Amino acid sequence: MNELKIFYKNLSLGLFLLVVISCSEKHTSDPIKTYQYWSNSDAPKEIKLIKGEYWQSSNWTNEYIMSLKLKPPGKWWDSFVEQNDLVPSKKEWTKPSGLAKWFKPSENSIEFKIEGEFDQDSRYFCDYKTGICYIYEIQL
């Protein structure tokens, strides 16, 4: 009977810790950490991460908002566009309030969005002359 009490006590403690750990909000302004949180991996060495901002909710639904300024090699960006089914955006994007002040794609940038209607207003920009790209991704 005593062993059963210890088992339930340890089980309760384990479940409590799991809930506390899984419910911690993530926030960073570090571009390296932003990329890591967003992609669950380190950035390839050939990508220059310039600015970043990432917020993830504390609940289990994986809600996040991410902004990133980077300079990837052209092949990486082209693959990114293809893998994520991005298409040039045909409607004007209204910047969300709270967007980082440094998030200013050039007028030469091509604006992309996720193909279809369910994009939650995420936007992807690339200035092919300078190679500077901006990513704003939201999942709520």
C-alpha atoms as a PDB file:
ATOM      1  CA  MET A   1       0.000   0.000   0.000  1.00  0.00           C
ATOM      2  CA  ASN A   2       2.879   2.368   0.797  1.00  0.00           C
ATOM      3  CA  GLU A   3       4.431   1.679  -2.636  1.00  0.00           C
ATOM      4  CA  LEU A   4       1.158   2.625  -4.312  1.00  0.00           C
ATOM      5  CA  LYS A   5       1.116   5.982  -2.475  1.00  0.00           C
ATOM      6  CA  ILE A   6       4.677   6.689  -3.599  1.00  0.00           C
ATOM      7  CA  PHE A   7       3.770   5.751  -7.192  1.00  0.00           C
ATOM      8  CA  TYR A   8       0.776   8.128  -7.241  1.00  0.00           C
ATOM      9  CA  LYS A   9       2.785  10.888  -5.588  1.00  0.00           C
ATOM     10  CA  ASN A  10       5.528  10.575  -8.226  1.00  0.00           C
ATOM     11  CA  LEU A  11       2.949  10.355 -11.006  1.00  0.00           C
ATOM     12  CA  SER A  12       1.225  13.515  -9.756  1.00  0.00           C
ATOM     13  CA  LEU A  13       4.541  15.354  -9.516  1.00  0.00           C
ATOM     14  CA  GLY A  14       5.507  14.230 -13.038  1.00  0.00           C
ATOM     15  CA  LEU A  15       2.188  15.382 -14.504  1.00  0.00           C
ATOM     16  CA  PHE A  16       2.457  18.710 -12.687  1.00  0.00           C
ATOM     17  CA  LEU A  17       5.965  19.295 -14.054  1.00  0.00           C
ATOM     18  CA  LEU A  18       4.853  18.339 -17.561  1.00  0.00           C
ATOM     19  CA  VAL A  19       2.035  20.885 -17.440  1.00  0.00           C
ATOM     20  CA  VAL A  20       4.278  23.638 -16.051  1.00  0.00           C
ATOM     21  CA  ILE A  21       7.053  23.020 -18.574  1.00  0.00           C
ATOM     22  CA  SER A  22       4.704  22.753 -21.565  1.00  0.00           C
ATOM     23  CA  CYS A  23       2.924  25.965 -20.591  1.00  0.00           C
ATOM     24  CA  SER A  24       5.905  28.289 -20.702  1.00  0.00           C
ATOM     25  CA  GLU A  25       5.760  31.148 -23.168  1.00  0.00           C
ATOM     26  CA  LYS A  26       8.696  31.719 -25.525  1.00  0.00           C
ATOM     27  CA  HIS A  27       9.858  35.162 -26.563  1.00  0.00           C
ATOM     28  CA  THR A  28      13.100  36.380 -28.105  1.00  0.00           C
ATOM     29  CA  SER A  29      14.541  39.236 -30.136  1.00  0.00           C
ATOM     30  CA  ASP A  30      17.661  37.256 -30.984  1.00  0.00           C
ATOM     31  CA  PRO A  31      17.679  36.308 -34.695  1.00  0.00           C
ATOM     32  CA  ILE A  32      19.493  33.002 -34.091  1.00  0.00           C
ATOM     33  CA  LYS A  33      17.003  31.893 -31.435  1.00  0.00           C
ATOM     34  CA  THR A  34      14.129  33.188 -33.590  1.00  0.00           C
ATOM     35  CA  TYR A  35      15.217  30.914 -36.426  1.00  0.00           C
ATOM     36  CA  GLN A  36      15.692  27.968 -34.036  1.00  0.00           C
ATOM     37  CA  TYR A  37      12.276  28.345 -32.411  1.00  0.00           C
ATOM     38  CA  TRP A  38      10.585  28.810 -35.780  1.00  0.00           C
ATOM     39  CA  SER A  39      12.269  25.948 -37.642  1.00  0.00           C
ATOM     40  CA  ASN A  40      13.218  23.634 -34.769  1.00  0.00           C
ATOM     41  CA  SER A  41      16.754  23.551 -36.167  1.00  0.00           C
ATOM     42  CA  ASP A  42      19.868  25.660 -36.534  1.00  0.00           C
ATOM     43  CA  ALA A  43      20.139  27.932 -39.549  1.00  0.00           C
ATOM     44  CA  PRO A  44      22.408  26.737 -42.345  1.00  0.00           C
ATOM     45  CA  LYS A  45      25.807  28.457 -42.166  1.00  0.00           C
ATOM     46  CA  GLU A  46      25.294  30.230 -45.495  1.00  0.00           C
ATOM     47  CA  ILE A  47      22.281  32.177 -44.155  1.00  0.00           C
ATOM     48  CA  LYS A  48      23.019  35.520 -42.535  1.00  0.00           C
ATOM     49  CA  LEU A  49      20.438  36.159 -39.806  1.00  0.00           C
ATOM     50  CA  ILE A  50      20.101  39.917 -39.339  1.00  0.00           C
ATOM     51  CA  LYS A  51      17.087  40.599 -37.091  1.00  0.00           C
ATOM     52  CA  GLY A  52      14.463  38.436 -35.490  1.00  0.00           C
ATOM     53  CA  GLU A  53      11.536  38.394 -33.145  1.00  0.00           C
ATOM     54  CA  TYR A  54       9.585  35.375 -31.957  1.00  0.00           C
ATOM     55  CA  TRP A  55       6.686  34.879 -29.586  1.00  0.00           C
ATOM     56  CA  GLN A  56       4.980  31.577 -28.824  1.00  0.00           C
ATOM     57  CA  SER A  57       1.966  31.184 -26.560  1.00  0.00           C
ATOM     58  CA  SER A  58       2.129  29.179 -23.415  1.00  0.00           C
ATOM     59  CA  ASN A  59      -0.636  26.784 -24.398  1.00  0.00           C
ATOM     60  CA  TRP A  60      -0.324  23.495 -26.253  1.00  0.00           C
ATOM     61  CA  THR A  61      -1.768  24.783 -29.550  1.00  0.00           C
ATOM     62  CA  ASN A  62       1.613  26.116 -30.765  1.00  0.00           C
ATOM     63  CA  GLU A  63       0.393  29.625 -31.516  1.00  0.00           C
ATOM     64  CA  TYR A  64       3.233  31.867 -32.621  1.00  0.00           C
ATOM     65  CA  ILE A  65       4.195  35.099 -34.346  1.00  0.00           C
ATOM     66  CA  MET A  66       7.595  35.336 -35.998  1.00  0.00           C
ATOM     67  CA  SER A  67       9.459  38.100 -37.835  1.00  0.00           C
ATOM     68  CA  LEU A  68      12.832  37.530 -39.420  1.00  0.00           C
ATOM     69  CA  LYS A  69      15.219  39.575 -41.562  1.00  0.00           C
ATOM     70  CA  LEU A  70      17.804  37.433 -43.287  1.00  0.00           C
ATOM     71  CA  LYS A  71      20.118  37.162 -46.237  1.00  0.00           C
ATOM     72  CA  PRO A  72      20.019  33.605 -47.591  1.00  0.00           C
ATOM     73  CA  PRO A  73      21.632  32.339 -50.762  1.00  0.00           C
ATOM     74  CA  GLY A  74      19.259  32.581 -53.737  1.00  0.00           C
ATOM     75  CA  LYS A  75      18.913  28.818 -54.037  1.00  0.00           C
ATOM     76  CA  TRP A  76      17.763  28.563 -50.419  1.00  0.00           C
ATOM     77  CA  TRP A  77      15.063  31.193 -50.924  1.00  0.00           C
ATOM     78  CA  ASP A  78      13.852  29.593 -54.148  1.00  0.00           C
ATOM     79  CA  SER A  79      13.605  26.208 -52.399  1.00  0.00           C
ATOM     80  CA  PHE A  80      11.818  27.822 -49.452  1.00  0.00           C
ATOM     81  CA  VAL A  81       9.238  29.372 -51.788  1.00  0.00           C
ATOM     82  CA  GLU A  82       8.671  26.069 -53.559  1.00  0.00           C
ATOM     83  CA  GLN A  83       8.525  23.886 -50.424  1.00  0.00           C
ATOM     84  CA  ASN A  84       6.028  26.196 -48.733  1.00  0.00           C
ATOM     85  CA  ASP A  85       3.763  26.664 -51.764  1.00  0.00           C
ATOM     86  CA  LEU A  86       4.310  30.409 -51.794  1.00  0.00           C
ATOM     87  CA  VAL A  87       2.929  32.518 -54.612  1.00  0.00           C
ATOM     88  CA  PRO A  88       3.272  36.224 -55.378  1.00  0.00           C
ATOM     89  CA  SER A  89       0.659  38.175 -53.451  1.00  0.00           C
ATOM     90  CA  LYS A  90      -1.814  40.140 -55.546  1.00  0.00           C
ATOM     91  CA  LYS A  91      -3.425  42.172 -52.787  1.00  0.00           C
ATOM     92  CA  GLU A  92      -1.876  44.899 -50.683  1.00  0.00           C
ATOM     93  CA  TRP A  93      -0.755  43.695 -47.259  1.00  0.00           C
ATOM     94  CA  THR A  94      -1.596  45.750 -44.219  1.00  0.00           C
ATOM     95  CA  LYS A  95       1.198  45.495 -41.681  1.00  0.00           C
ATOM     96  CA  PRO A  96      -0.099  44.223 -38.364  1.00  0.00           C
ATOM     97  CA  SER A  97       0.157  46.481 -35.353  1.00  0.00           C
ATOM     98  CA  GLY A  98       3.031  45.465 -33.155  1.00  0.00           C
ATOM     99  CA  LEU A  99       5.223  44.459 -36.077  1.00  0.00           C
ATOM    100  CA  ALA A 100       8.895  45.146 -35.343  1.00  0.00           C
ATOM    101  CA  LYS A 101      10.030  48.615 -36.457  1.00  0.00           C
ATOM    102  CA  TRP A 102      12.937  47.096 -38.409  1.00  0.00           C
ATOM    103  CA  PHE A 103      10.539  45.046 -40.589  1.00  0.00           C
ATOM    104  CA  LYS A 104      10.741  47.236 -43.689  1.00  0.00           C
ATOM    105  CA  PRO A 105      11.039  45.312 -46.954  1.00  0.00           C
ATOM    106  CA  SER A 106      12.336  47.475 -49.791  1.00  0.00           C
ATOM    107  CA  GLU A 107      10.065  48.675 -52.572  1.00  0.00           C
ATOM    108  CA  ASN A 108      11.962  46.284 -54.872  1.00  0.00           C
ATOM    109  CA  SER A 109      10.888  43.292 -52.804  1.00  0.00           C
ATOM    110  CA  ILE A 110       8.581  40.688 -54.230  1.00  0.00           C
ATOM    111  CA  GLU A 111       5.827  39.821 -51.770  1.00  0.00           C
ATOM    112  CA  PHE A 112       4.767  36.198 -51.388  1.00  0.00           C
ATOM    113  CA  LYS A 113       1.947  34.523 -49.511  1.00  0.00           C
ATOM    114  CA  ILE A 114       0.835  30.953 -48.910  1.00  0.00           C
ATOM    115  CA  GLU A 115      -1.212  29.701 -51.837  1.00  0.00           C
ATOM    116  CA  GLY A 116      -4.922  29.555 -51.023  1.00  0.00           C
ATOM    117  CA  GLU A 117      -7.064  31.475 -48.604  1.00  0.00           C
ATOM    118  CA  PHE A 118      -5.801  30.049 -45.305  1.00  0.00           C
ATOM    119  CA  ASP A 119      -2.637  32.077 -44.829  1.00  0.00           C
ATOM    120  CA  GLN A 120      -3.545  33.967 -41.616  1.00  0.00           C
ATOM    121  CA  ASP A 121      -1.858  36.971 -43.268  1.00  0.00           C
ATOM    122  CA  SER A 122       1.691  35.575 -43.147  1.00  0.00           C
ATOM    123  CA  ARG A 123       3.933  37.307 -45.699  1.00  0.00           C
ATOM    124  CA  TYR A 124       7.321  36.622 -47.208  1.00  0.00           C
ATOM    125  CA  PHE A 125       9.410  39.251 -49.016  1.00  0.00           C
ATOM    126  CA  CYS A 126      12.573  39.002 -51.083  1.00  0.00           C
ATOM    127  CA  ASP A 127      14.595  41.760 -52.710  1.00  0.00           C
ATOM    128  CA  TYR A 128      16.402  39.781 -55.389  1.00  0.00           C
ATOM    129  CA  LYS A 129      18.852  42.667 -56.016  1.00  0.00           C
ATOM    130  CA  THR A 130      20.162  42.883 -52.449  1.00  0.00           C
ATOM    131  CA  GLY A 131      19.311  39.327 -51.398  1.00  0.00           C
ATOM    132  CA  ILE A 132      17.631  40.628 -48.228  1.00  0.00           C
ATOM    133  CA  CYS A 133      14.485  38.730 -47.264  1.00  0.00           C
ATOM    134  CA  TYR A 134      11.826  39.298 -44.622  1.00  0.00           C
ATOM    135  CA  ILE A 135       9.508  36.690 -43.192  1.00  0.00           C
ATOM    136  CA  TYR A 136       6.422  37.429 -41.131  1.00  0.00           C
ATOM    137  CA  GLU A 137       4.650  34.273 -40.098  1.00  0.00           C
ATOM    138  CA  ILE A 138       1.685  33.947 -37.807  1.00  0.00           C
ATOM    139  CA  GLN A 139      -0.137  30.877 -36.574  1.00  0.00           C
ATOM    140  CA  LEU A 140      -3.011  31.525 -34.192  1.00  0.00           C
END
